[in-house]
C-alpha cells in the first residue's frame, strides 16, 4: 500500500544528505562481498599443501561459488523488494561469515564445496549489483547514474583489491587466519545496517537526494506482485530472441575469461612460473585499480559509439592479450607483463555498459534490468565453468597453456557472434494486464 510520510523541515535536515551515508555503507558491502569471493583463488596452494586436495577439486568449489552467486543474483532483487533490505543484507553477511569462518574446522573437500559454494555463494549473490541498483533507485533522483557507476566499479575492484592482504596473511599467519579475517569483516558491517543505513528515505522522513521538497511516498508493498514468476516469465520470453542468446553467450565468455580464469587462476599460474604469490596478488590488485578507469571510460564511449562495435573490440583485443600470457609470466615482472596488466584492467568490466545498453535497446526499459539479470547469471555460470576447465587443464598437462588458448578462442567467437546481432526493433509497452502480474 502507498502512503505518505510527514515532511521534515529544511532546517532540521542534516547538511549531508543521508543518501550519501547509505551509499557509503552500500559501497562497503559491495566491495566486501566482492572481496569475500576473491579469497578462493588466493588460498588454493595452502589448501593443496595441507589437505592434498587436487586443483580440480578446489576449482570445483570455486565453480560452485560462481554459479550459485550468478543464479542467486536475478532473484536477489525480489528479496530486497519483498523484505526490508537491512534484514536481507544482514542475513547475507551472516552467511558469508559462517561460510568463511567454518572453513577453519573442515576436514573433507565436500565441506569446502558447501561453505564456499553454498554459504558464501548465496550470501555474496544477494549483495550483487542488484543491491546497488536498489539503493541508487530509492535514494537518488540526482546523480543516480553516477552512483550506480561507482557501485559497479567498486564491485569489480573489490574482487581484486583485497588479494594482497589475503595472500600476505595466508603466507605469514596461515590460511585459517585469512578466512577468519573475512568472517570478522563480514560481521563488522552488520551494525552499519542499523545506522547510518536505512531501508528507504521515507523510513527516516526524507526524500531521495535531488528530489527537493516533494511529498514523501513510502515504497509500495511488492507482495501484491508475483515477482518471482514475473522474473521467470521474462526469461522465457527473452529466450525467444536471438539477441538474448548472443548477449548471454558473450557475457558467458566474459565471465570465463575474467572471474573464472584470471581472478581464480592467475596467482597459481604465476607461481608455476616462479613468481611469488604476493607479487601475483599485487598485480591482480592493479588490475582492479585500472578497472575503475576502464569502466568509466567504457560508459562514456557507450553514449557515443554503437555498443556492439565496442564489444567486438573488447572481446577481440582480450583474446589477443590472452594468447600472450603464457610467455609473459616469469619469476619477475617484466615491462611486457605490465602492459598486459594495464590492458586487462581497463578491459575487465568494460563490457558491462555496452551490454546493459544492448539489453535496453532490444528488450525495452521495462524489462532491460530483468533481462540483464539473466545475462549476468550467464556471466557467472561461464566464470564457474572456466574456473573448473582451467583447473582440469592444469592438472592434466601441468601447465595453464591450454587454458589461455581456450579462453582466447572463446573471446574471438564472442566477438564474431556480435556480427549476427539483429537490429533492435521497437519494443511494445506491456499491457495493463501484464503490468499487474
Protein backbone atom coordinates (compact mmCIF):
# COMPACT_ATOMS: atom_id res chain seq x y z
CA UNK A 1 0.00 0.00 0.00
CA UNK A 2 1.11 3.52 -0.77
CA UNK A 3 1.10 6.08 1.99
CA UNK A 4 2.55 9.47 2.71
CA UNK A 5 5.07 10.31 5.37
CA UNK A 6 5.19 13.73 7.03
CA UNK A 7 7.85 16.02 5.64
CA UNK A 8 10.67 17.28 7.76
CA UNK A 9 11.52 20.94 7.67
CA UNK A 10 14.54 22.09 5.68
CA UNK A 11 16.15 23.47 8.87
CA UNK A 12 16.01 20.08 10.61
CA UNK A 13 17.65 18.20 7.76
CA UNK A 14 21.34 17.47 8.07
CA UNK A 15 23.71 19.30 5.75
CA UNK A 16 24.98 15.96 4.42
CA UNK A 17 22.06 14.10 2.93
CA UNK A 18 21.52 10.67 4.48
CA UNK A 19 21.59 9.19 0.97
CA UNK A 20 25.38 9.61 0.83
CA UNK A 21 25.84 7.76 4.12
CA UNK A 22 23.60 4.96 2.86
CA UNK A 23 25.63 4.89 -0.35
CA UNK A 24 28.85 4.63 1.65
CA UNK A 25 27.57 1.59 3.57
CA UNK A 26 26.34 0.05 0.33
CA UNK A 27 29.71 0.68 -1.27
CA UNK A 28 31.43 -1.02 1.64
CA UNK A 29 29.11 -4.03 1.43
CA UNK A 30 29.65 -4.37 -2.34
CA UNK A 31 33.43 -4.14 -2.03
CA UNK A 32 33.40 -6.59 0.86
CA UNK A 33 31.16 -9.08 -0.95
CA UNK A 34 33.43 -8.98 -3.99
CA UNK A 35 36.48 -9.39 -1.75
CA UNK A 36 34.93 -12.39 0.01
CA UNK A 37 34.60 -14.20 -3.32
CA UNK A 38 38.14 -13.32 -4.37
CA UNK A 39 39.80 -15.12 -1.45
CA UNK A 40 39.24 -18.54 -3.02
CA UNK A 41 41.98 -18.29 -5.65
CA UNK A 42 44.44 -16.92 -3.08
CA UNK A 43 44.01 -19.98 -0.83
CA UNK A 44 44.48 -22.70 -3.47
CA UNK A 45 48.06 -23.60 -2.63
CA UNK A 46 47.78 -23.57 1.20
CA UNK A 47 44.76 -25.91 0.97
CA UNK A 48 46.57 -28.16 -1.50
CA UNK A 49 49.55 -28.45 0.83
CA UNK A 50 47.54 -29.21 3.97
CA UNK A 51 44.79 -31.47 2.64
CA UNK A 52 46.38 -32.84 -0.56
CA UNK A 53 43.25 -31.83 -2.49
CA UNK A 54 43.70 -31.59 -6.23
CA UNK A 55 43.50 -28.41 -8.28
CA UNK A 56 40.37 -29.83 -9.93
CA UNK A 57 38.65 -30.35 -6.57
CA UNK A 58 39.46 -26.81 -5.48
CA UNK A 59 38.41 -25.40 -8.85
CA UNK A 60 35.12 -27.26 -8.48
CA UNK A 61 34.42 -25.44 -5.21
CA UNK A 62 35.08 -22.13 -6.96
CA UNK A 63 32.81 -23.20 -9.80
CA UNK A 64 30.00 -23.90 -7.33
CA UNK A 65 30.58 -20.49 -5.73
CA UNK A 66 30.45 -18.60 -9.02
CA UNK A 67 27.42 -20.43 -10.39
CA UNK A 68 25.41 -20.07 -7.17
CA UNK A 69 26.38 -16.40 -7.00
CA UNK A 70 25.19 -15.82 -10.56
CA UNK A 71 21.91 -17.71 -10.24
CA UNK A 72 21.01 -16.01 -6.95
CA UNK A 73 21.52 -12.52 -8.41
CA UNK A 74 18.35 -12.38 -10.61
CA UNK A 75 16.20 -13.26 -7.59
CA UNK A 76 18.04 -11.04 -5.11
CA UNK A 77 16.04 -8.03 -6.30
CA UNK A 78 12.86 -9.89 -5.35
CA UNK A 79 14.10 -10.45 -1.80
CA UNK A 80 15.26 -6.85 -1.48
CA UNK A 81 11.84 -5.57 -2.56
CA UNK A 82 9.75 -8.07 -0.61
CA UNK A 83 11.59 -7.71 2.70
CA UNK A 84 13.48 -4.84 4.38
CA UNK A 85 16.90 -4.60 2.65
CA UNK A 86 18.55 -4.17 6.05
CA UNK A 87 17.38 -7.61 7.13
CA UNK A 88 18.17 -9.28 3.81
CA UNK A 89 21.73 -7.94 3.69
CA UNK A 90 22.31 -8.77 7.37
CA UNK A 91 21.38 -12.40 6.68
CA UNK A 92 23.63 -12.40 3.61
CA UNK A 93 26.58 -11.13 5.66
CA UNK A 94 25.89 -13.78 8.30
CA UNK A 95 26.01 -16.47 5.59
CA UNK A 96 29.34 -15.14 4.32
CA UNK A 97 30.77 -15.02 7.84
CA UNK A 98 29.62 -18.60 8.52
CA UNK A 99 30.87 -19.86 5.18
CA UNK A 100 34.31 -18.35 5.66
CA UNK A 101 34.65 -18.95 9.40
CA UNK A 102 33.64 -22.61 9.37
CA UNK A 103 36.37 -23.49 6.86
CA UNK A 104 38.85 -23.49 9.76
CA UNK A 105 37.30 -26.73 11.07
CA UNK A 106 36.61 -28.52 7.77
CA UNK A 107 38.26 -31.85 7.04
CA UNK A 108 36.64 -33.01 3.75
CA UNK A 109 36.53 -31.40 0.33
CA UNK A 110 32.73 -31.62 0.15
CA UNK A 111 32.60 -29.30 3.16
CA UNK A 112 34.59 -26.74 1.19
CA UNK A 113 32.08 -27.01 -1.65
CA UNK A 114 29.19 -26.40 0.76
CA UNK A 115 30.89 -23.47 2.52
CA UNK A 116 32.44 -21.73 -0.49
CA UNK A 117 29.77 -22.70 -2.99
CA UNK A 118 26.65 -22.60 -0.83
CA UNK A 119 27.07 -20.20 2.08
CA UNK A 120 29.45 -17.69 0.51
CA UNK A 121 27.85 -18.09 -2.94
CA UNK A 122 24.35 -17.27 -1.70
CA UNK A 123 25.48 -14.51 0.66
CA UNK A 124 27.52 -12.65 -1.93
CA UNK A 125 24.87 -13.27 -4.60
CA UNK A 126 22.37 -11.30 -2.54
CA UNK A 127 24.88 -8.46 -2.28
CA UNK A 128 25.48 -8.33 -6.04
CA UNK A 129 24.93 -5.24 -8.17
CA UNK A 130 21.15 -5.57 -7.81
CA UNK A 131 21.60 -4.35 -4.22
CA UNK A 132 23.44 -1.29 -5.51
CA UNK A 133 20.75 -0.69 -8.12
CA UNK A 134 18.05 -0.81 -5.46
CA UNK A 135 19.87 1.74 -3.29
CA UNK A 136 20.54 4.05 -6.24
CA UNK A 137 16.89 3.94 -7.34
CA UNK A 138 15.46 4.51 -3.87
CA UNK A 139 17.87 7.10 -2.53
CA UNK A 140 18.95 9.15 -5.55
CA UNK A 141 17.00 11.23 -8.03
CA UNK A 142 20.00 13.32 -8.95
CA UNK A 143 23.37 11.65 -9.69
CA UNK A 144 21.71 8.24 -9.85
CA UNK A 145 23.78 7.18 -12.85
CA UNK A 146 27.00 8.38 -11.24
CA UNK A 147 26.28 6.48 -8.05
CA UNK A 148 25.45 3.29 -9.96
CA UNK A 149 28.67 3.66 -11.94
CA UNK A 150 30.66 3.94 -8.71
CA UNK A 151 28.91 0.86 -7.33
CA UNK A 152 29.74 -1.12 -10.50
CA UNK A 153 33.40 -0.15 -10.44
CA UNK A 154 33.72 -0.81 -6.70
CA UNK A 155 32.15 -4.26 -7.06
CA UNK A 156 34.70 -5.29 -9.67
CA UNK A 157 37.62 -3.56 -7.94
CA UNK A 158 36.84 -5.23 -4.63
CA UNK A 159 37.28 -8.65 -6.21
CA UNK A 160 40.98 -7.92 -6.63
CA UNK A 161 41.99 -5.18 -4.19
CA UNK A 162 41.91 -7.42 -1.09
CA UNK A 163 44.03 -10.18 -2.60
CA UNK A 164 47.45 -8.89 -1.44
CA UNK A 165 46.27 -8.75 2.19
CA UNK A 166 44.74 -12.23 1.99
CA UNK A 167 47.88 -13.71 0.42
CA UNK A 168 50.09 -11.98 2.99
CA UNK A 169 48.04 -13.32 5.90
CA UNK A 170 47.87 -16.82 4.44
CA UNK A 171 51.63 -16.86 3.83
CA UNK A 172 52.71 -15.48 7.22
CA UNK A 173 49.92 -16.49 9.60
CA UNK A 174 48.19 -19.39 7.85
CA UNK A 175 45.13 -19.61 5.64
CA UNK A 176 42.86 -20.02 8.68
CA UNK A 177 43.78 -16.53 9.85
CA UNK A 178 42.86 -15.16 6.43
CA UNK A 179 39.49 -16.97 6.48
CA UNK A 180 38.70 -15.74 9.99
CA UNK A 181 39.54 -12.17 8.96
CA UNK A 182 36.94 -12.40 6.19
CA UNK A 183 34.37 -13.69 8.69
CA UNK A 184 35.12 -10.88 11.18
CA UNK A 185 34.95 -8.24 8.44
CA UNK A 186 31.52 -9.52 7.34
CA UNK A 187 30.16 -9.38 10.89
CA UNK A 188 31.63 -5.88 11.44
CA UNK A 189 29.48 -4.46 8.62
CA UNK A 190 26.18 -5.60 10.18
CA UNK A 191 25.93 -2.76 12.79
CA UNK A 192 26.23 -0.20 9.97
CA UNK A 193 22.97 -1.55 8.54
CA UNK A 194 21.12 -0.15 11.56
CA UNK A 195 22.83 3.24 11.29
CA UNK A 196 23.51 5.06 9.02
CA UNK A 197 21.87 2.66 6.57
CA UNK A 198 18.08 2.80 6.20
CA UNK A 199 15.62 0.83 4.07
CA UNK A 200 14.42 3.93 2.23
CA UNK A 201 14.17 7.74 2.51
CA UNK A 202 10.57 7.60 3.77
CA UNK A 203 11.65 5.48 6.74
CA UNK A 204 13.70 8.40 8.10
CA UNK A 205 11.43 11.23 6.93
CA UNK A 206 13.40 12.27 3.87
CA UNK A 207 13.00 12.43 0.12
CA UNK A 208 15.58 10.94 -2.20
CA UNK A 209 18.63 13.05 -2.93
CA UNK A 210 17.77 15.67 -5.55
CA UNK A 211 14.01 15.25 -5.23
CA UNK A 212 13.58 18.61 -3.47
CA UNK A 213 10.61 19.03 -1.17
CA UNK A 214 8.30 16.63 -2.94
CA UNK A 215 5.81 14.69 -0.84
CA UNK A 216 7.45 11.67 0.68
CA UNK A 217 5.94 8.47 -0.60
CA UNK A 218 6.56 5.22 1.18
CA UNK A 219 7.52 2.27 -1.00
CA UNK A 220 4.59 0.26 -2.29
CA UNK A 221 4.02 -3.25 -1.00
CA UNK A 222 5.67 -5.58 -3.52
CA UNK A 223 3.85 -8.64 -2.22
CA UNK A 224 0.91 -7.82 -4.47
CA UNK A 225 3.12 -8.75 -7.44
CA UNK A 226 4.21 -12.23 -8.41
CA UNK A 227 7.80 -11.03 -8.73
CA UNK A 228 9.47 -14.44 -8.89
CA UNK A 229 7.00 -15.64 -11.51
CA UNK A 230 7.47 -12.44 -13.48
CA UNK A 231 11.24 -12.90 -13.43
CA UNK A 232 10.88 -16.39 -14.89
CA UNK A 233 8.39 -15.16 -17.49
CA UNK A 234 10.87 -12.52 -18.62
CA UNK A 235 13.48 -15.25 -19.07
CA UNK A 236 11.11 -17.44 -21.07
CA UNK A 237 10.17 -14.60 -23.41
CA UNK A 238 13.73 -13.32 -23.77
CA UNK A 239 14.89 -16.79 -24.81
CA UNK A 240 12.80 -16.46 -27.96
CA UNK A 241 15.03 -13.65 -29.21
CA UNK A 242 18.38 -14.22 -30.94
CA UNK A 243 19.72 -11.09 -29.27
CA UNK A 244 19.34 -12.67 -25.83
CA UNK A 245 21.35 -15.74 -26.79
CA UNK A 246 24.14 -13.64 -28.30
CA UNK A 247 24.32 -11.37 -25.26
CA UNK A 248 24.22 -14.37 -22.92
CA UNK A 249 26.96 -16.10 -24.92
CA UNK A 250 29.25 -13.07 -24.96
CA UNK A 251 28.78 -12.44 -21.24
CA UNK A 252 29.34 -16.16 -20.57
CA UNK A 253 32.69 -15.80 -22.31
CA UNK A 254 33.35 -12.60 -20.36
CA UNK A 255 32.88 -14.47 -17.09
CA UNK A 256 35.04 -17.39 -18.28
CA UNK A 257 37.94 -15.08 -19.21
CA UNK A 258 37.80 -12.81 -16.13
CA UNK A 259 36.40 -14.23 -12.88
CA UNK A 260 36.80 -17.84 -13.95
CA UNK A 261 40.32 -17.75 -15.40
CA UNK A 262 42.27 -14.63 -14.41
CA UNK A 263 40.79 -13.99 -10.97
CA UNK A 264 40.83 -17.65 -9.90
CA UNK A 265 43.98 -18.96 -11.56
CA UNK A 266 46.33 -16.03 -12.20
CA UNK A 267 48.08 -16.37 -8.83
CA UNK A 268 48.74 -20.14 -9.06
CA UNK A 269 49.63 -19.79 -12.77
CA UNK A 270 52.18 -17.06 -12.00
CA UNK A 271 53.55 -19.18 -9.16
CA UNK A 272 54.07 -22.03 -11.65
CA UNK A 273 56.46 -19.68 -13.47
CA UNK A 274 58.39 -18.88 -10.29
CA UNK A 275 56.65 -15.64 -9.33
CA UNK A 276 55.94 -15.16 -5.60
CA UNK A 277 52.25 -15.35 -4.73
CA UNK A 278 52.38 -11.92 -3.06
CA UNK A 279 53.69 -10.33 -6.27
CA UNK A 280 50.98 -12.02 -8.36
CA UNK A 281 48.31 -10.83 -5.91
CA UNK A 282 49.60 -7.27 -6.15
CA UNK A 283 49.37 -7.45 -9.94
CA UNK A 284 45.74 -8.55 -9.66
CA UNK A 285 45.09 -5.64 -7.33
CA UNK A 286 46.48 -3.31 -10.00
CA UNK A 287 44.06 -4.83 -12.50
CA UNK A 288 41.30 -3.78 -10.08
CA UNK A 289 42.59 -0.21 -9.96
CA UNK A 290 42.74 0.15 -13.75
CA UNK A 291 39.30 -1.46 -13.91
CA UNK A 292 37.78 1.68 -12.37
CA UNK A 293 39.23 3.80 -15.18
CA UNK A 294 38.13 1.32 -17.83
CA UNK A 295 34.56 1.13 -16.54
CA UNK A 296 34.09 4.90 -16.53
CA UNK A 297 35.68 5.26 -19.98
CA UNK A 298 33.53 2.46 -21.41
CA UNK A 299 30.39 4.13 -20.09
CA UNK A 300 31.43 7.38 -21.76
CA UNK A 301 32.09 5.57 -25.05
CA UNK A 302 28.79 3.68 -24.88
CA UNK A 303 26.96 7.02 -25.15
CA UNK A 304 28.89 7.87 -28.33
CA UNK A 305 29.68 4.60 -30.15
CA UNK A 306 27.40 1.72 -31.13
CA UNK A 307 27.58 -0.70 -28.20
CA UNK A 308 28.03 -3.84 -30.32
CA UNK A 309 31.08 -2.31 -32.02
CA UNK A 310 32.65 -1.66 -28.62
CA UNK A 311 32.03 -5.28 -27.61
CA UNK A 312 33.65 -6.58 -30.78
CA UNK A 313 36.74 -4.53 -29.95
CA UNK A 314 36.76 -5.53 -26.27
CA UNK A 315 36.46 -9.28 -26.88
CA UNK A 316 38.81 -9.30 -29.85
CA UNK A 317 41.57 -7.43 -28.02
CA UNK A 318 41.03 -9.54 -24.90
CA UNK A 319 41.52 -12.69 -26.96
CA UNK A 320 44.79 -11.38 -28.41
CA UNK A 321 46.08 -10.48 -24.94
CA UNK A 322 45.30 -13.95 -23.55
CA UNK A 323 47.46 -15.53 -26.25
CA UNK A 324 50.47 -13.74 -24.76
CA UNK A 325 50.05 -14.53 -21.05
CA UNK A 326 51.97 -17.81 -21.03
CA UNK A 327 55.08 -16.18 -22.49
CA UNK A 328 54.84 -13.07 -20.27
CA UNK A 329 54.76 -14.82 -16.90
CA UNK A 330 58.07 -15.39 -15.14
CA UNK A 331 59.88 -15.05 -11.80
CA UNK A 332 59.94 -11.26 -12.10
CA UNK A 333 57.65 -8.61 -13.57
CA UNK A 334 58.93 -7.57 -16.98
CA UNK A 335 57.72 -4.41 -18.81
CA UNK A 336 55.68 -6.51 -21.26
CA UNK A 337 53.72 -8.02 -18.37
CA UNK A 338 52.92 -4.51 -17.11
CA UNK A 339 51.31 -3.79 -20.48
CA UNK A 340 49.08 -6.86 -20.08
CA UNK A 341 48.11 -5.87 -16.53
CA UNK A 342 47.14 -2.34 -17.55
CA UNK A 343 45.20 -3.50 -20.60
CA UNK A 344 43.35 -6.29 -18.82
CA UNK A 345 42.43 -3.91 -16.03
CA UNK A 346 40.96 -1.40 -18.48
CA UNK A 347 39.06 -4.21 -20.22
CA UNK A 348 37.94 -6.15 -17.10
CA UNK A 349 34.32 -4.95 -16.87
CA UNK A 350 34.36 -2.57 -19.83
CA UNK A 351 31.84 -4.99 -21.36
CA UNK A 352 29.17 -4.11 -18.79
CA UNK A 353 27.98 -0.65 -20.03
CA UNK A 354 27.52 -1.70 -23.71
CA UNK A 355 25.88 -4.98 -22.68
CA UNK A 356 23.40 -3.11 -20.47
CA UNK A 357 22.74 -0.68 -23.32
CA UNK A 358 22.02 -3.55 -25.74
CA UNK A 359 19.62 -5.14 -23.26
CA UNK A 360 17.73 -1.86 -23.15
CA UNK A 361 17.76 -1.49 -26.96
CA UNK A 362 16.47 -5.00 -27.65
CA UNK A 363 14.11 -5.55 -24.72
CA UNK A 364 12.98 -2.07 -23.75
CA UNK A 365 13.32 -0.12 -20.50
CA UNK A 366 10.57 -2.11 -18.77
CA UNK A 367 12.40 -5.43 -18.97
CA UNK A 368 16.02 -4.45 -19.53
CA UNK A 369 17.01 -4.87 -15.88
CA UNK A 370 15.45 -8.32 -15.54
CA UNK A 371 16.96 -9.47 -18.83
CA UNK A 372 20.37 -8.18 -17.79
CA UNK A 373 19.97 -10.10 -14.54
CA UNK A 374 19.76 -13.33 -16.54
CA UNK A 375 22.61 -12.27 -18.84
CA UNK A 376 24.64 -11.62 -15.69
CA UNK A 377 23.75 -15.11 -14.46
CA UNK A 378 25.22 -16.46 -17.71
CA UNK A 379 28.37 -14.46 -16.94
CA UNK A 380 28.83 -16.19 -13.60
CA UNK A 381 27.99 -19.64 -14.98
CA UNK A 382 30.69 -19.04 -17.60
CA UNK A 383 33.04 -18.00 -14.79
CA UNK A 384 32.32 -21.21 -12.93
CA UNK A 385 32.85 -23.41 -15.97
CA UNK A 386 36.01 -21.51 -16.86
CA UNK A 387 37.45 -21.95 -13.37
CA UNK A 388 36.85 -25.71 -13.49
CA UNK A 389 38.15 -26.07 -17.05
CA UNK A 390 41.36 -24.23 -16.21
CA UNK A 391 41.89 -26.44 -13.16
CA UNK A 392 41.41 -29.58 -15.27
CA UNK A 393 43.82 -28.28 -17.91
CA UNK A 394 46.47 -27.54 -15.29
CA UNK A 395 46.08 -30.92 -13.62
CA UNK A 396 46.17 -32.93 -16.86
CA UNK A 397 49.10 -31.15 -18.52
CA UNK A 398 50.94 -29.47 -15.66
CA UNK A 399 50.52 -26.11 -17.42
CA UNK A 400 47.89 -23.41 -17.97
CA UNK A 401 48.80 -23.00 -21.65
CA UNK A 402 45.67 -24.82 -22.86
CA UNK A 403 43.52 -22.67 -20.54
CA UNK A 404 44.90 -19.43 -22.01
CA UNK A 405 44.43 -20.60 -25.61
CA UNK A 406 40.89 -21.87 -24.96
CA UNK A 407 39.84 -18.58 -23.36
CA UNK A 408 41.37 -16.61 -26.23
CA UNK A 409 39.49 -18.72 -28.80
CA UNK A 410 36.21 -18.16 -26.92
CA UNK A 411 36.81 -14.39 -26.93
CA UNK A 412 37.24 -14.49 -30.71
CA UNK A 413 33.97 -16.48 -31.01
CA UNK A 414 32.20 -13.88 -28.83
CA UNK A 415 33.49 -11.03 -30.99
CA UNK A 416 32.36 -12.80 -34.18
CA UNK A 417 28.90 -13.61 -32.78
CA UNK A 418 28.12 -9.91 -32.39
CA UNK A 419 28.05 -9.52 -36.17
CA UNK A 420 24.94 -11.77 -36.04
CA UNK A 421 23.17 -9.45 -33.59
CA UNK A 422 19.90 -8.34 -35.23
CA UNK A 423 18.90 -4.72 -35.44
CA UNK A 424 16.94 -3.57 -32.42
CA UNK A 425 13.19 -3.46 -33.03
CA UNK A 426 10.73 -1.14 -31.27
CA UNK A 427 9.61 -2.86 -28.09
CA UNK A 428 5.90 -2.84 -27.33
CA UNK A 429 4.97 -1.45 -23.97
CA UNK A 430 3.45 -4.02 -21.62
CA UNK A 431 -0.31 -4.01 -21.36
CA UNK A 432 -2.03 -3.01 -18.12
CA UNK A 433 -2.75 -6.69 -17.50
CA UNK A 434 0.98 -7.54 -17.90
CA UNK A 435 1.92 -4.71 -15.54
CA UNK A 436 -0.38 -6.06 -12.86
CA UNK A 437 1.02 -9.60 -12.94
